[in-house]
Amino acid sequence: MYGLVGKIRAHRGDGEKLAAILAGMGEMPGCLAYIAAIDSTDPDIVWVTEVWTSSEAHSGSLSLPSVQAAIAAGRPLIEGFEERHETVPVGGIGLPTG
């Protein structure tokens, strides 16, 4: 499995709009989990947690029309990308094991 955790700073007041766009991309082949969340202490911070079957599945998703539309809609709301961490998920509730 392949995972990403990212911290995105939205322009002031745009965190909820950005999170809604990111959370609404729909089905993506190879995506096991995709969660957009508002930071509990700063409403302009959006955390994105992703779990994919592989890094190739993640890369391939970037060309999907729904993802391209979300990028186009979300880009104007983003002030900057503050953190990005690649992970190796080992399992959890809702994820396959082994």
C-alpha atoms as a PDB file:
ATOM      1  CA  MET A   1       0.000   0.000   0.000  1.00  0.00           C
ATOM      2  CA  TYR A   2       0.965   3.618  -0.485  1.00  0.00           C
ATOM      3  CA  GLY A   3      -0.151   6.516   1.699  1.00  0.00           C
ATOM      4  CA  LEU A   4      -0.003  10.282   1.741  1.00  0.00           C
ATOM      5  CA  VAL A   5      -0.798  12.764   4.469  1.00  0.00           C
ATOM      6  CA  GLY A   6      -0.857  16.409   3.454  1.00  0.00           C
ATOM      7  CA  LYS A   7      -1.464  19.723   5.158  1.00  0.00           C
ATOM      8  CA  ILE A   8      -2.894  22.423   2.911  1.00  0.00           C
ATOM      9  CA  ARG A   9      -3.427  26.042   3.938  1.00  0.00           C
ATOM     10  CA  ALA A  10      -6.457  27.629   2.313  1.00  0.00           C
ATOM     11  CA  HIS A  11      -6.879  31.368   1.943  1.00  0.00           C
ATOM     12  CA  ARG A  12      -8.619  32.876   4.967  1.00  0.00           C
ATOM     13  CA  GLY A  13     -12.192  31.618   5.155  1.00  0.00           C
ATOM     14  CA  ASP A  14     -11.827  29.063   2.335  1.00  0.00           C
ATOM     15  CA  GLY A  15     -10.942  25.921   4.332  1.00  0.00           C
ATOM     16  CA  GLU A  16     -14.446  24.444   4.330  1.00  0.00           C
ATOM     17  CA  LYS A  17     -14.904  25.129   0.611  1.00  0.00           C
ATOM     18  CA  LEU A  18     -11.569  23.506  -0.191  1.00  0.00           C
ATOM     19  CA  ALA A  19     -12.291  20.467   1.989  1.00  0.00           C
ATOM     20  CA  ALA A  20     -15.682  19.998   0.311  1.00  0.00           C
ATOM     21  CA  ILE A  21     -14.088  20.071  -3.146  1.00  0.00           C
ATOM     22  CA  LEU A  22     -11.406  17.570  -2.147  1.00  0.00           C
ATOM     23  CA  ALA A  23     -13.904  15.268  -0.432  1.00  0.00           C
ATOM     24  CA  GLY A  24     -16.185  15.218  -3.472  1.00  0.00           C
ATOM     25  CA  MET A  25     -13.952  13.725  -6.147  1.00  0.00           C
ATOM     26  CA  GLY A  26     -15.788  10.390  -6.219  1.00  0.00           C
ATOM     27  CA  GLU A  27     -14.395   6.971  -7.115  1.00  0.00           C
ATOM     28  CA  MET A  28     -10.735   6.704  -8.004  1.00  0.00           C
ATOM     29  CA  PRO A  29      -9.338   3.323  -9.112  1.00  0.00           C
ATOM     30  CA  GLY A  30      -6.848   2.014  -6.546  1.00  0.00           C
ATOM     31  CA  CYS A  31      -7.943   4.451  -3.831  1.00  0.00           C
ATOM     32  CA  LEU A  32      -8.727   2.629  -0.592  1.00  0.00           C
ATOM     33  CA  ALA A  33      -9.308   5.759   1.516  1.00  0.00           C
ATOM     34  CA  TYR A  34      -9.356   9.502   0.846  1.00  0.00           C
ATOM     35  CA  ILE A  35     -10.254  11.793   3.718  1.00  0.00           C
ATOM     36  CA  ALA A  36     -10.314  15.591   3.722  1.00  0.00           C
ATOM     37  CA  ALA A  37     -10.579  17.125   7.200  1.00  0.00           C
ATOM     38  CA  ILE A  38     -10.595  20.621   8.686  1.00  0.00           C
ATOM     39  CA  ASP A  39      -7.982  21.205  11.375  1.00  0.00           C
ATOM     40  CA  SER A  40      -9.654  21.474  14.787  1.00  0.00           C
ATOM     41  CA  THR A  41      -7.605  24.554  15.751  1.00  0.00           C
ATOM     42  CA  ASP A  42      -7.380  26.397  12.407  1.00  0.00           C
ATOM     43  CA  PRO A  43     -10.330  26.353   9.980  1.00  0.00           C
ATOM     44  CA  ASP A  44      -8.065  27.427   7.129  1.00  0.00           C
ATOM     45  CA  ILE A  45      -6.001  24.206   7.341  1.00  0.00           C
ATOM     46  CA  VAL A  46      -7.171  21.113   5.446  1.00  0.00           C
ATOM     47  CA  TRP A  47      -5.570  17.747   6.172  1.00  0.00           C
ATOM     48  CA  VAL A  48      -5.790  15.112   3.453  1.00  0.00           C
ATOM     49  CA  THR A  49      -5.150  11.462   4.304  1.00  0.00           C
ATOM     50  CA  GLU A  50      -4.920   9.033   1.390  1.00  0.00           C
ATOM     51  CA  VAL A  51      -4.396   5.272   1.109  1.00  0.00           C
ATOM     52  CA  TRP A  52      -3.787   3.710  -2.302  1.00  0.00           C
ATOM     53  CA  THR A  53      -3.044   0.230  -3.565  1.00  0.00           C
ATOM     54  CA  SER A  54       0.211   1.614  -5.035  1.00  0.00           C
ATOM     55  CA  SER A  55       2.027   4.842  -5.844  1.00  0.00           C
ATOM     56  CA  GLU A  56       1.225   4.151  -9.505  1.00  0.00           C
ATOM     57  CA  ALA A  57      -2.511   4.143  -8.729  1.00  0.00           C
ATOM     58  CA  HIS A  58      -2.089   7.524  -7.043  1.00  0.00           C
ATOM     59  CA  SER A  59      -0.145   8.941  -9.984  1.00  0.00           C
ATOM     60  CA  GLY A  60      -2.725   7.618 -12.439  1.00  0.00           C
ATOM     61  CA  SER A  61      -5.552   9.288 -10.538  1.00  0.00           C
ATOM     62  CA  LEU A  62      -4.152  12.711 -11.356  1.00  0.00           C
ATOM     63  CA  SER A  63      -5.344  12.372 -14.958  1.00  0.00           C
ATOM     64  CA  LEU A  64      -8.954  11.484 -14.067  1.00  0.00           C
ATOM     65  CA  PRO A  65     -11.495  14.126 -15.176  1.00  0.00           C
ATOM     66  CA  SER A  66     -12.979  14.354 -11.662  1.00  0.00           C
ATOM     67  CA  VAL A  67      -9.547  14.933 -10.136  1.00  0.00           C
ATOM     68  CA  GLN A  68      -8.614  17.487 -12.799  1.00  0.00           C
ATOM     69  CA  ALA A  69     -11.892  19.336 -12.104  1.00  0.00           C
ATOM     70  CA  ALA A  70     -11.192  19.327  -8.347  1.00  0.00           C
ATOM     71  CA  ILE A  71      -7.669  20.653  -8.937  1.00  0.00           C
ATOM     72  CA  ALA A  72      -9.021  23.457 -11.126  1.00  0.00           C
ATOM     73  CA  ALA A  73     -11.733  24.372  -8.606  1.00  0.00           C
ATOM     74  CA  GLY A  74      -9.505  24.086  -5.540  1.00  0.00           C
ATOM     75  CA  ARG A  75      -6.313  25.753  -6.763  1.00  0.00           C
ATOM     76  CA  PRO A  76      -7.612  29.355  -6.343  1.00  0.00           C
ATOM     77  CA  LEU A  77      -8.541  28.567  -2.716  1.00  0.00           C
ATOM     78  CA  ILE A  78      -5.053  27.338  -1.759  1.00  0.00           C
ATOM     79  CA  GLU A  79      -2.546  29.625  -0.103  1.00  0.00           C
ATOM     80  CA  GLY A  80       0.116  26.926   0.166  1.00  0.00           C
ATOM     81  CA  PHE A  81       1.090  23.344   0.840  1.00  0.00           C
ATOM     82  CA  GLU A  82       2.651  23.145   4.296  1.00  0.00           C
ATOM     83  CA  GLU A  83       3.411  19.450   4.757  1.00  0.00           C
ATOM     84  CA  ARG A  84       3.442  16.275   2.677  1.00  0.00           C
ATOM     85  CA  HIS A  85       4.381  12.881   4.065  1.00  0.00           C
ATOM     86  CA  GLU A  86       4.511   9.598   2.182  1.00  0.00           C
ATOM     87  CA  THR A  87       3.621   6.580   4.310  1.00  0.00           C
ATOM     88  CA  VAL A  88       3.370   2.808   4.058  1.00  0.00           C
ATOM     89  CA  PRO A  89      -0.037   1.870   5.503  1.00  0.00           C
ATOM     90  CA  VAL A  90      -0.070  -1.506   7.203  1.00  0.00           C
ATOM     91  CA  GLY A  91      -3.823  -1.774   7.776  1.00  0.00           C
ATOM     92  CA  GLY A  92      -6.629  -0.501   9.916  1.00  0.00           C
ATOM     93  CA  ILE A  93     -10.393  -0.422  10.027  1.00  0.00           C
ATOM     94  CA  GLY A  94     -11.695  -0.573   6.491  1.00  0.00           C
ATOM     95  CA  LEU A  95      -8.335  -1.400   4.894  1.00  0.00           C
ATOM     96  CA  PRO A  96      -7.319  -4.780   3.526  1.00  0.00           C
ATOM     97  CA  THR A  97      -4.657  -6.710   5.409  1.00  0.00           C
ATOM     98  CA  GLY A  98      -1.775  -8.802   4.165  1.00  0.00           C
END
